[in-house]
C-alpha atoms as a PDB file:
ATOM      1  CA  MET A   1       7.056 -11.535  22.726  1.00  0.00           C
ATOM      2  CA  SER A   2       7.498  -7.803  22.195  1.00  0.00           C
ATOM      3  CA  GLU A   3      10.736  -6.396  20.797  1.00  0.00           C
ATOM      4  CA  ARG A   4      11.430  -4.774  24.190  1.00  0.00           C
ATOM      5  CA  MET A   5      10.942  -8.033  26.069  1.00  0.00           C
ATOM      6  CA  ALA A   6      13.072  -9.920  23.487  1.00  0.00           C
ATOM      7  CA  ARG A   7      16.072  -7.736  24.260  1.00  0.00           C
ATOM      8  CA  ARG A   8      17.603  -6.489  27.477  1.00  0.00           C
ATOM      9  CA  TYR A   9      15.484  -3.953  29.335  1.00  0.00           C
ATOM     10  CA  ALA A  10      17.761  -0.919  29.601  1.00  0.00           C
ATOM     11  CA  ILE A  11      17.763   2.150  31.820  1.00  0.00           C
ATOM     12  CA  ALA A  12      16.792   4.125  28.699  1.00  0.00           C
ATOM     13  CA  ASP A  13      13.602   2.074  28.422  1.00  0.00           C
ATOM     14  CA  ALA A  14      12.646   2.837  32.012  1.00  0.00           C
ATOM     15  CA  LEU A  15      13.402   6.521  31.492  1.00  0.00           C
ATOM     16  CA  GLY A  16      11.313   6.664  28.310  1.00  0.00           C
ATOM     17  CA  GLU A  17       8.290   5.162  30.055  1.00  0.00           C
ATOM     18  CA  ALA A  18       8.732   7.574  32.962  1.00  0.00           C
ATOM     19  CA  VAL A  19       8.978  10.630  30.696  1.00  0.00           C
ATOM     20  CA  GLU A  20       5.649   9.725  29.098  1.00  0.00           C
ATOM     21  CA  ARG A  21       3.954   9.285  32.491  1.00  0.00           C
ATOM     22  CA  LEU A  22       5.442  12.446  33.993  1.00  0.00           C
ATOM     23  CA  ALA A  23       4.700  14.548  30.903  1.00  0.00           C
ATOM     24  CA  GLY A  24       1.107  13.325  30.957  1.00  0.00           C
ATOM     25  CA  ALA A  25       0.858  14.459  34.586  1.00  0.00           C
ATOM     26  CA  GLY A  26       2.011  17.941  33.628  1.00  0.00           C
ATOM     27  CA  LEU A  27       5.432  18.045  35.277  1.00  0.00           C
ATOM     28  CA  PRO A  28       7.429  20.872  33.684  1.00  0.00           C
ATOM     29  CA  ASP A  29      10.654  19.017  32.776  1.00  0.00           C
ATOM     30  CA  PRO A  30       9.832  15.305  32.637  1.00  0.00           C
ATOM     31  CA  ARG A  31      13.194  14.198  31.221  1.00  0.00           C
ATOM     32  CA  ARG A  32      15.163  15.892  33.964  1.00  0.00           C
ATOM     33  CA  GLU A  33      12.649  14.667  36.555  1.00  0.00           C
ATOM     34  CA  ALA A  34      13.013  11.073  35.335  1.00  0.00           C
ATOM     35  CA  ARG A  35      16.825  11.156  35.506  1.00  0.00           C
ATOM     36  CA  THR A  36      16.730  12.707  38.984  1.00  0.00           C
ATOM     37  CA  LEU A  37      14.255  10.109  40.226  1.00  0.00           C
ATOM     38  CA  TRP A  38      16.390   7.259  38.890  1.00  0.00           C
ATOM     39  CA  ALA A  39      19.492   8.685  40.543  1.00  0.00           C
ATOM     40  CA  ALA A  40      17.647   9.035  43.863  1.00  0.00           C
ATOM     41  CA  VAL A  41      16.402   5.446  43.972  1.00  0.00           C
ATOM     42  CA  ALA A  42      19.626   3.956  42.584  1.00  0.00           C
ATOM     43  CA  GLY A  43      21.812   5.042  45.500  1.00  0.00           C
ATOM     44  CA  ALA A  44      23.850   7.870  46.954  1.00  0.00           C
ATOM     45  CA  GLN A  45      26.748   7.418  44.518  1.00  0.00           C
ATOM     46  CA  VAL A  46      24.613   7.892  41.392  1.00  0.00           C
ATOM     47  CA  LYS A  47      24.155  11.428  40.052  1.00  0.00           C
ATOM     48  CA  PRO A  48      21.505  12.523  37.523  1.00  0.00           C
ATOM     49  CA  GLY A  49      24.194  13.112  34.906  1.00  0.00           C
ATOM     50  CA  ASP A  50      25.452   9.564  35.386  1.00  0.00           C
ATOM     51  CA  VAL A  51      22.006   8.166  34.626  1.00  0.00           C
ATOM     52  CA  TRP A  52      22.004   9.466  31.056  1.00  0.00           C
ATOM     53  CA  LEU A  53      25.591   8.337  30.467  1.00  0.00           C
ATOM     54  CA  ARG A  54      24.649   4.828  31.633  1.00  0.00           C
ATOM     55  CA  ARG A  55      21.314   4.715  29.824  1.00  0.00           C
ATOM     56  CA  ASP A  56      22.284   1.757  27.610  1.00  0.00           C
ATOM     57  CA  ARG A  57      23.076  -0.444  30.612  1.00  0.00           C
ATOM     58  CA  ALA A  58      20.631  -3.075  31.823  1.00  0.00           C
ATOM     59  CA  ALA A  59      18.164  -1.735  34.373  1.00  0.00           C
ATOM     60  CA  PRO A  60      18.543  -3.644  37.672  1.00  0.00           C
ATOM     61  CA  ALA A  61      15.158  -5.147  38.506  1.00  0.00           C
ATOM     62  CA  ASP A  62      15.046  -3.836  42.079  1.00  0.00           C
ATOM     63  CA  VAL A  63      15.995  -0.288  41.032  1.00  0.00           C
ATOM     64  CA  ALA A  64      13.487  -0.346  38.178  1.00  0.00           C
ATOM     65  CA  ARG A  65      10.756  -1.434  40.590  1.00  0.00           C
ATOM     66  CA  ARG A  66      11.525   1.388  43.033  1.00  0.00           C
ATOM     67  CA  PHE A  67      11.773   3.811  40.122  1.00  0.00           C
ATOM     68  CA  ARG A  68       8.338   2.940  38.727  1.00  0.00           C
ATOM     69  CA  ARG A  69       6.821   3.387  42.178  1.00  0.00           C
ATOM     70  CA  ALA A  70       8.549   6.770  42.598  1.00  0.00           C
ATOM     71  CA  VAL A  71       7.422   7.918  39.133  1.00  0.00           C
ATOM     72  CA  GLU A  72       3.822   7.028  39.883  1.00  0.00           C
ATOM     73  CA  ARG A  73       3.948   8.925  43.169  1.00  0.00           C
ATOM     74  CA  ARG A  74       5.404  12.011  41.500  1.00  0.00           C
ATOM     75  CA  ALA A  75       2.814  11.824  38.749  1.00  0.00           C
ATOM     76  CA  ASN A  76       0.149  11.880  41.474  1.00  0.00           C
ATOM     77  CA  GLY A  77       1.601  15.072  42.963  1.00  0.00           C
ATOM     78  CA  MET A  78       3.605  13.624  45.842  1.00  0.00           C
ATOM     79  CA  PRO A  79       6.673  15.694  46.803  1.00  0.00           C
ATOM     80  CA  PHE A  80       9.991  14.366  45.543  1.00  0.00           C
ATOM     81  CA  GLY A  81      11.363  13.295  48.943  1.00  0.00           C
ATOM     82  CA  TYR A  82       8.287  11.229  49.756  1.00  0.00           C
ATOM     83  CA  ALA A  83       8.213   9.757  46.256  1.00  0.00           C
ATOM     84  CA  VAL A  84      11.740   8.373  46.553  1.00  0.00           C
ATOM     85  CA  GLY A  85      11.528   7.643  50.287  1.00  0.00           C
ATOM     86  CA  ARG A  86      14.689   9.445  51.303  1.00  0.00           C
ATOM     87  CA  ALA A  87      16.080  12.828  52.241  1.00  0.00           C
ATOM     88  CA  ASP A  88      19.594  14.256  52.101  1.00  0.00           C
ATOM     89  CA  PHE A  89      20.422  16.513  55.039  1.00  0.00           C
ATOM     90  CA  ARG A  90      23.943  17.826  55.563  1.00  0.00           C
ATOM     91  CA  SER A  91      26.093  14.658  55.514  1.00  0.00           C
ATOM     92  CA  LEU A  92      23.190  12.259  56.061  1.00  0.00           C
ATOM     93  CA  GLU A  93      20.890  10.198  53.862  1.00  0.00           C
ATOM     94  CA  LEU A  94      17.710   9.437  55.797  1.00  0.00           C
ATOM     95  CA  ASN A  95      14.523   7.458  55.311  1.00  0.00           C
ATOM     96  CA  LEU A  96      11.532   9.692  54.662  1.00  0.00           C
ATOM     97  CA  ASP A  97       7.769   9.330  54.298  1.00  0.00           C
ATOM     98  CA  PRO A  98       4.610  11.388  54.987  1.00  0.00           C
ATOM     99  CA  ARG A  99       4.767  10.674  58.721  1.00  0.00           C
ATOM    100  CA  VAL A 100       7.163  13.632  58.976  1.00  0.00           C
ATOM    101  CA  LEU A 101       8.005  16.949  57.330  1.00  0.00           C
ATOM    102  CA  ILE A 102      10.486  16.975  54.482  1.00  0.00           C
ATOM    103  CA  PRO A 103      13.734  18.544  55.796  1.00  0.00           C
ATOM    104  CA  ARG A 104      14.487  21.909  54.180  1.00  0.00           C
ATOM    105  CA  PRO A 105      17.944  23.162  53.195  1.00  0.00           C
ATOM    106  CA  GLU A 106      17.449  26.203  55.443  1.00  0.00           C
ATOM    107  CA  THR A 107      17.271  23.982  58.515  1.00  0.00           C
ATOM    108  CA  GLU A 108      20.821  22.813  57.916  1.00  0.00           C
ATOM    109  CA  GLY A 109      21.833  26.295  59.073  1.00  0.00           C
ATOM    110  CA  LEU A 110      20.234  25.673  62.461  1.00  0.00           C
ATOM    111  CA  VAL A 111      22.612  22.760  63.016  1.00  0.00           C
ATOM    112  CA  GLU A 112      25.575  24.892  61.975  1.00  0.00           C
ATOM    113  CA  LEU A 113      24.518  27.648  64.362  1.00  0.00           C
ATOM    114  CA  VAL A 114      24.295  25.265  67.319  1.00  0.00           C
ATOM    115  CA  LEU A 115      27.644  23.632  66.573  1.00  0.00           C
ATOM    116  CA  ARG A 116      29.293  27.040  66.368  1.00  0.00           C
ATOM    117  CA  GLU A 117      27.606  28.444  69.477  1.00  0.00           C
ATOM    118  CA  THR A 118      28.419  25.438  71.655  1.00  0.00           C
ATOM    119  CA  GLY A 119      32.008  25.160  70.427  1.00  0.00           C
ATOM    120  CA  MET A 120      31.427  21.558  69.465  1.00  0.00           C
ATOM    121  CA  ARG A 121      33.608  21.791  66.370  1.00  0.00           C
ATOM    122  CA  ASP A 122      36.669  22.232  68.580  1.00  0.00           C
ATOM    123  CA  ALA A 123      38.375  18.839  68.629  1.00  0.00           C
ATOM    124  CA  GLY A 124      40.163  19.772  71.845  1.00  0.00           C
ATOM    125  CA  CYS A 125      37.074  20.458  73.909  1.00  0.00           C
ATOM    126  CA  GLY A 126      36.293  16.804  74.608  1.00  0.00           C
ATOM    127  CA  MET A 127      32.907  15.157  74.709  1.00  0.00           C
ATOM    128  CA  ARG A 128      30.625  17.214  76.898  1.00  0.00           C
ATOM    129  CA  GLY A 129      27.019  18.033  77.466  1.00  0.00           C
ATOM    130  CA  VAL A 130      23.674  16.727  76.282  1.00  0.00           C
ATOM    131  CA  VAL A 131      21.690  18.365  73.492  1.00  0.00           C
ATOM    132  CA  ALA A 132      17.943  18.007  72.901  1.00  0.00           C
ATOM    133  CA  ASP A 133      16.066  18.351  69.614  1.00  0.00           C
ATOM    134  CA  ILE A 134      12.355  19.144  70.088  1.00  0.00           C
ATOM    135  CA  GLY A 135       9.965  18.009  67.361  1.00  0.00           C
ATOM    136  CA  THR A 136      12.589  15.818  65.757  1.00  0.00           C
ATOM    137  CA  GLY A 137      10.506  14.493  62.851  1.00  0.00           C
ATOM    138  CA  CYS A 138      12.739  12.203  60.815  1.00  0.00           C
ATOM    139  CA  GLY A 139      15.610  12.954  63.203  1.00  0.00           C
ATOM    140  CA  CYS A 140      17.657  15.074  60.802  1.00  0.00           C
ATOM    141  CA  ILE A 141      18.723  17.724  63.348  1.00  0.00           C
ATOM    142  CA  ALA A 142      19.362  15.288  66.189  1.00  0.00           C
ATOM    143  CA  LEU A 143      21.385  12.913  64.042  1.00  0.00           C
ATOM    144  CA  SER A 144      23.418  15.700  62.443  1.00  0.00           C
ATOM    145  CA  LEU A 145      24.342  16.994  65.909  1.00  0.00           C
ATOM    146  CA  ALA A 146      25.266  13.475  66.988  1.00  0.00           C
ATOM    147  CA  VAL A 147      27.443  12.866  63.922  1.00  0.00           C
ATOM    148  CA  GLU A 148      29.082  16.282  63.588  1.00  0.00           C
ATOM    149  CA  GLY A 149      29.197  17.474  67.185  1.00  0.00           C
ATOM    150  CA  ARG A 150      31.023  16.274  70.257  1.00  0.00           C
ATOM    151  CA  PHE A 151      28.090  15.929  72.620  1.00  0.00           C
ATOM    152  CA  GLU A 152      27.872  13.102  75.107  1.00  0.00           C
ATOM    153  CA  ARG A 153      24.290  12.261  74.149  1.00  0.00           C
ATOM    154  CA  VAL A 154      21.439  13.561  72.019  1.00  0.00           C
ATOM    155  CA  ILE A 155      17.780  13.445  73.066  1.00  0.00           C
ATOM    156  CA  ALA A 156      15.220  13.633  70.247  1.00  0.00           C
ATOM    157  CA  VAL A 157      11.670  14.513  71.341  1.00  0.00           C
ATOM    158  CA  GLU A 158       8.617  13.859  69.173  1.00  0.00           C
ATOM    159  CA  ARG A 159       4.920  14.010  70.114  1.00  0.00           C
ATOM    160  CA  SER A 160       3.752  11.917  67.128  1.00  0.00           C
ATOM    161  CA  ALA A 161       4.238   8.201  67.740  1.00  0.00           C
ATOM    162  CA  ASP A 162       4.386   7.575  63.983  1.00  0.00           C
ATOM    163  CA  ALA A 163       7.067  10.220  63.476  1.00  0.00           C
ATOM    164  CA  ALA A 164       9.026   8.910  66.476  1.00  0.00           C
ATOM    165  CA  ALA A 165       9.010   5.451  64.901  1.00  0.00           C
ATOM    166  CA  LEU A 166      10.585   6.842  61.716  1.00  0.00           C
ATOM    167  CA  ALA A 167      13.169   8.759  63.756  1.00  0.00           C
ATOM    168  CA  ARG A 168      14.156   5.499  65.456  1.00  0.00           C
ATOM    169  CA  GLU A 169      14.492   3.845  62.043  1.00  0.00           C
ATOM    170  CA  ASN A 170      16.914   6.575  61.045  1.00  0.00           C
ATOM    171  CA  VAL A 171      18.920   6.249  64.262  1.00  0.00           C
ATOM    172  CA  ALA A 172      19.369   2.562  63.408  1.00  0.00           C
ATOM    173  CA  LEU A 173      20.239   3.472  59.810  1.00  0.00           C
ATOM    174  CA  VAL A 174      22.838   6.139  60.652  1.00  0.00           C
ATOM    175  CA  GLN A 175      24.357   4.409  63.700  1.00  0.00           C
ATOM    176  CA  PRO A 176      25.705   7.683  65.138  1.00  0.00           C
ATOM    177  CA  PRO A 177      28.906   7.663  67.221  1.00  0.00           C
ATOM    178  CA  VAL A 178      27.089   8.822  70.387  1.00  0.00           C
ATOM    179  CA  PRO A 179      23.737   7.668  71.812  1.00  0.00           C
ATOM    180  CA  VAL A 180      20.608   9.226  70.311  1.00  0.00           C
ATOM    181  CA  GLU A 181      17.475   8.544  72.353  1.00  0.00           C
ATOM    182  CA  VAL A 182      14.045   9.195  70.846  1.00  0.00           C
ATOM    183  CA  ARG A 183      11.483  10.149  73.510  1.00  0.00           C
ATOM    184  CA  GLU A 184       7.772  10.559  72.865  1.00  0.00           C
ATOM    185  CA  GLY A 185       6.005  13.552  74.395  1.00  0.00           C
ATOM    186  CA  ASP A 186       5.022  17.166  73.884  1.00  0.00           C
ATOM    187  CA  LEU A 187       7.688  19.852  73.586  1.00  0.00           C
ATOM    188  CA  LEU A 188       9.851  20.099  76.738  1.00  0.00           C
ATOM    189  CA  ALA A 189       7.908  17.671  78.955  1.00  0.00           C
ATOM    190  CA  PRO A 190      10.144  14.627  78.236  1.00  0.00           C
ATOM    191  CA  LEU A 191      13.282  16.580  79.251  1.00  0.00           C
ATOM    192  CA  ALA A 192      12.453  17.041  82.945  1.00  0.00           C
ATOM    193  CA  GLY A 193      15.118  16.098  85.474  1.00  0.00           C
ATOM    194  CA  GLU A 194      18.216  16.823  83.395  1.00  0.00           C
ATOM    195  CA  ARG A 195      20.250  19.851  82.263  1.00  0.00           C
ATOM    196  CA  TYR A 196      21.193  20.437  78.647  1.00  0.00           C
ATOM    197  CA  ARG A 197      24.016  22.131  76.803  1.00  0.00           C
ATOM    198  CA  ALA A 198      21.575  23.187  74.084  1.00  0.00           C
ATOM    199  CA  ILE A 199      17.893  22.856  73.264  1.00  0.00           C
ATOM    200  CA  VAL A 200      17.182  23.015  69.552  1.00  0.00           C
ATOM    201  CA  SER A 201      13.903  23.024  67.658  1.00  0.00           C
ATOM    202  CA  ASN A 202      12.327  23.606  64.289  1.00  0.00           C
ATOM    203  CA  PRO A 203       8.815  23.956  65.744  1.00  0.00           C
ATOM    204  CA  PRO A 204       5.537  24.440  63.892  1.00  0.00           C
ATOM    205  CA  TYR A 205       5.179  28.162  63.207  1.00  0.00           C
ATOM    206  CA  LEU A 206       2.314  28.807  60.769  1.00  0.00           C
ATOM    207  CA  THR A 207      -1.247  29.965  61.293  1.00  0.00           C
ATOM    208  CA  ALA A 208      -4.200  28.021  59.903  1.00  0.00           C
ATOM    209  CA  ALA A 209      -4.715  30.666  57.221  1.00  0.00           C
ATOM    210  CA  GLU A 210      -1.065  30.483  56.173  1.00  0.00           C
ATOM    211  CA  HIS A 211      -1.290  26.701  56.001  1.00  0.00           C
ATOM    212  CA  ALA A 212      -4.382  26.917  53.800  1.00  0.00           C
ATOM    213  CA  ALA A 213      -2.428  29.123  51.359  1.00  0.00           C
ATOM    214  CA  LEU A 214       0.522  26.741  51.005  1.00  0.00           C
ATOM    215  CA  ASP A 215       1.407  24.999  47.770  1.00  0.00           C
ATOM    216  CA  PRO A 216      -0.708  21.817  47.480  1.00  0.00           C
ATOM    217  CA  ALA A 217       2.453  19.687  47.463  1.00  0.00           C
ATOM    218  CA  VAL A 218       3.017  20.821  51.049  1.00  0.00           C
ATOM    219  CA  ARG A 219      -0.553  21.332  52.234  1.00  0.00           C
ATOM    220  CA  LEU A 220      -1.905  17.992  50.995  1.00  0.00           C
ATOM    221  CA  PHE A 221       1.019  15.720  51.873  1.00  0.00           C
ATOM    222  CA  GLU A 222       3.009  17.048  54.831  1.00  0.00           C
ATOM    223  CA  PRO A 223       1.626  16.608  58.380  1.00  0.00           C
ATOM    224  CA  ARG A 224      -0.427  19.647  59.375  1.00  0.00           C
ATOM    225  CA  GLU A 225       0.378  19.296  63.086  1.00  0.00           C
ATOM    226  CA  ALA A 226       4.055  19.816  62.299  1.00  0.00           C
ATOM    227  CA  LEU A 227       3.317  23.102  60.524  1.00  0.00           C
ATOM    228  CA  VAL A 228       0.495  24.912  62.363  1.00  0.00           C
ATOM    229  CA  SER A 229       0.871  26.347  65.867  1.00  0.00           C
ATOM    230  CA  GLY A 230      -2.081  28.295  67.223  1.00  0.00           C
ATOM    231  CA  ALA A 231      -3.845  31.462  66.175  1.00  0.00           C
ATOM    232  CA  ASP A 232      -0.637  33.476  65.752  1.00  0.00           C
ATOM    233  CA  GLY A 233       1.702  30.659  64.739  1.00  0.00           C
ATOM    234  CA  LEU A 234       3.723  31.121  67.922  1.00  0.00           C
ATOM    235  CA  THR A 235       2.171  28.696  70.432  1.00  0.00           C
ATOM    236  CA  ALA A 236       5.040  26.193  70.295  1.00  0.00           C
ATOM    237  CA  THR A 237       7.719  28.897  70.117  1.00  0.00           C
ATOM    238  CA  ARG A 238       6.215  30.669  73.129  1.00  0.00           C
ATOM    239  CA  ALA A 239       6.228  27.459  75.175  1.00  0.00           C
ATOM    240  CA  LEU A 240       9.829  26.678  74.255  1.00  0.00           C
ATOM    241  CA  LEU A 241      11.065  30.127  75.218  1.00  0.00           C
ATOM    242  CA  ALA A 242       9.096  30.028  78.465  1.00  0.00           C
ATOM    243  CA  GLY A 243      10.409  26.657  79.586  1.00  0.00           C
ATOM    244  CA  ALA A 244      13.885  26.186  78.144  1.00  0.00           C
ATOM    245  CA  ARG A 245      15.831  28.303  80.658  1.00  0.00           C
ATOM    246  CA  ALA A 246      15.035  25.985  83.545  1.00  0.00           C
ATOM    247  CA  LEU A 247      16.463  23.037  81.611  1.00  0.00           C
ATOM    248  CA  LEU A 248      19.749  24.558  80.442  1.00  0.00           C
ATOM    249  CA  GLU A 249      23.096  24.215  82.134  1.00  0.00           C
ATOM    250  CA  PRO A 250      25.131  27.419  82.716  1.00  0.00           C
ATOM    251  CA  GLY A 251      26.395  28.684  79.372  1.00  0.00           C
ATOM    252  CA  GLY A 252      23.713  26.744  77.536  1.00  0.00           C
ATOM    253  CA  CYS A 253      21.566  28.024  74.688  1.00  0.00           C
ATOM    254  CA  VAL A 254      18.242  27.614  72.956  1.00  0.00           C
ATOM    255  CA  ALA A 255      18.158  27.730  69.146  1.00  0.00           C
ATOM    256  CA  LEU A 256      14.876  27.894  67.230  1.00  0.00           C
ATOM    257  CA  GLU A 257      13.930  28.054  63.585  1.00  0.00           C
ATOM    258  CA  LEU A 258      11.273  30.684  62.876  1.00  0.00           C
ATOM    259  CA  ASP A 259       9.101  32.112  60.131  1.00  0.00           C
ATOM    260  CA  ASP A 260      10.967  35.074  58.665  1.00  0.00           C
ATOM    261  CA  ARG A 261       7.726  37.092  58.722  1.00  0.00           C
ATOM    262  CA  ARG A 262       7.688  36.814  62.512  1.00  0.00           C
ATOM    263  CA  ALA A 263      11.368  37.334  63.298  1.00  0.00           C
ATOM    264  CA  ASP A 264      10.766  40.593  65.151  1.00  0.00           C
ATOM    265  CA  ALA A 265       7.843  39.099  67.077  1.00  0.00           C
ATOM    266  CA  VAL A 266       9.930  36.110  68.165  1.00  0.00           C
ATOM    267  CA  ARG A 267      12.811  38.338  69.253  1.00  0.00           C
ATOM    268  CA  ALA A 268      10.419  40.443  71.314  1.00  0.00           C
ATOM    269  CA  LEU A 269       8.848  37.313  72.764  1.00  0.00           C
ATOM    270  CA  ALA A 270      12.260  36.042  73.890  1.00  0.00           C
ATOM    271  CA  LEU A 271      12.991  39.333  75.611  1.00  0.00           C
ATOM    272  CA  ARG A 272       9.612  39.272  77.363  1.00  0.00           C
ATOM    273  CA  HIS A 273      10.440  35.820  78.704  1.00  0.00           C
ATOM    274  CA  GLY A 274      13.593  37.172  80.310  1.00  0.00           C
ATOM    275  CA  TRP A 275      16.279  36.186  77.815  1.00  0.00           C
ATOM    276  CA  SER A 276      18.876  38.907  77.464  1.00  0.00           C
ATOM    277  CA  ARG A 277      21.395  37.382  75.040  1.00  0.00           C
ATOM    278  CA  VAL A 278      19.056  37.247  72.061  1.00  0.00           C
ATOM    279  CA  ALA A 279      20.017  37.317  68.383  1.00  0.00           C
ATOM    280  CA  VAL A 280      18.274  36.508  65.108  1.00  0.00           C
ATOM    281  CA  HIS A 281      20.436  34.955  62.383  1.00  0.00           C
ATOM    282  CA  ASP A 282      19.833  34.733  58.639  1.00  0.00           C
ATOM    283  CA  ASP A 283      19.488  31.534  56.653  1.00  0.00           C
ATOM    284  CA  LEU A 284      21.452  30.728  53.494  1.00  0.00           C
ATOM    285  CA  PHE A 285      18.995  32.829  51.475  1.00  0.00           C
ATOM    286  CA  GLY A 286      19.590  35.909  53.633  1.00  0.00           C
ATOM    287  CA  ARG A 287      16.247  35.749  55.425  1.00  0.00           C
ATOM    288  CA  PRO A 288      15.923  36.051  59.242  1.00  0.00           C
ATOM    289  CA  ARG A 289      15.389  32.404  60.158  1.00  0.00           C
ATOM    290  CA  PHE A 290      16.945  31.419  63.486  1.00  0.00           C
ATOM    291  CA  LEU A 291      16.668  32.721  67.031  1.00  0.00           C
ATOM    292  CA  LEU A 292      19.569  32.095  69.401  1.00  0.00           C
ATOM    293  CA  ALA A 293      19.334  32.901  73.128  1.00  0.00           C
ATOM    294  CA  GLY A 294      21.813  31.829  75.789  1.00  0.00           C
ATOM    295  CA  LEU A 295      22.615  31.701  79.468  1.00  0.00           C
ATOM    296  CA  ASP A 296      25.835  33.123  80.852  1.00  0.00           C
ATOM    297  CA  GLU A 297      28.290  30.862  82.660  1.00  0.00           C
ATOM    298  CA  GLU A 298      26.730  31.712  86.038  1.00  0.00           C
ATOM    299  CA  GLY A 299      23.372  30.470  84.798  1.00  0.00           C
ATOM    300  CA  GLY A 300      21.643  33.833  84.362  1.00  0.00           C
ATOM    301  CA  THR A 301      20.224  35.327  81.189  1.00  0.00           C
END
């Protein structure tokens, strides 16, 4: 029996093995990467700094198993979120895998914008209105609105059956305080027959050439159909702006994430489709990232 097997297998042992594997794969800071991976698979209460402080403790078998799997995935180039099978988004911890895009920190600002615009942070306003999230992916936007807002219901639309299945897993995981219904279909089609307080989307907005130039960690692992949208990158955005007005209640709004390189084009597109209350807002990095357009209380633009 080896010396390692004769004694307790510690977290430090697992980290040492991981550092060797990650260094061999060329990751730039394998020690930091190993600690961060362990923290991610060990649970929400464990921080990377805690991992090193607890390195002499016995490594729980289930955590060590998940850790080895995550290390191997990272060593093979898989993005961190997919490797550990989870994503943190605002207040949520969600299941994640290559069926859906990895949520970006910038997108958290889209949720904040919608909550502010609809007045749903006001505890005195009561529960009112239905909000729809188009292209929900893992459900991060829809579930954040359900948890943080005061909407009556949230509808999450997804055209990919595989992605919709993951979104439903996350609805069951989060157990939001209001109903979140995942509907399968393309863009606005599943919303017919109802009026909405807000329609929100982080749609695909790249061209094929832009997709081809992406970092391999994105291009090779994340679903192409969730990133590319026609010859100019605006096919989905154009359809949302063309159809959303008919689905909004008076005073409602549409909020879209956009490529900062096309902010002016999206603003002009909204105006051409008859929206008059149009504004582009910056993300947390100061880049033009979100389009907000609303209806007045009489239902006009």
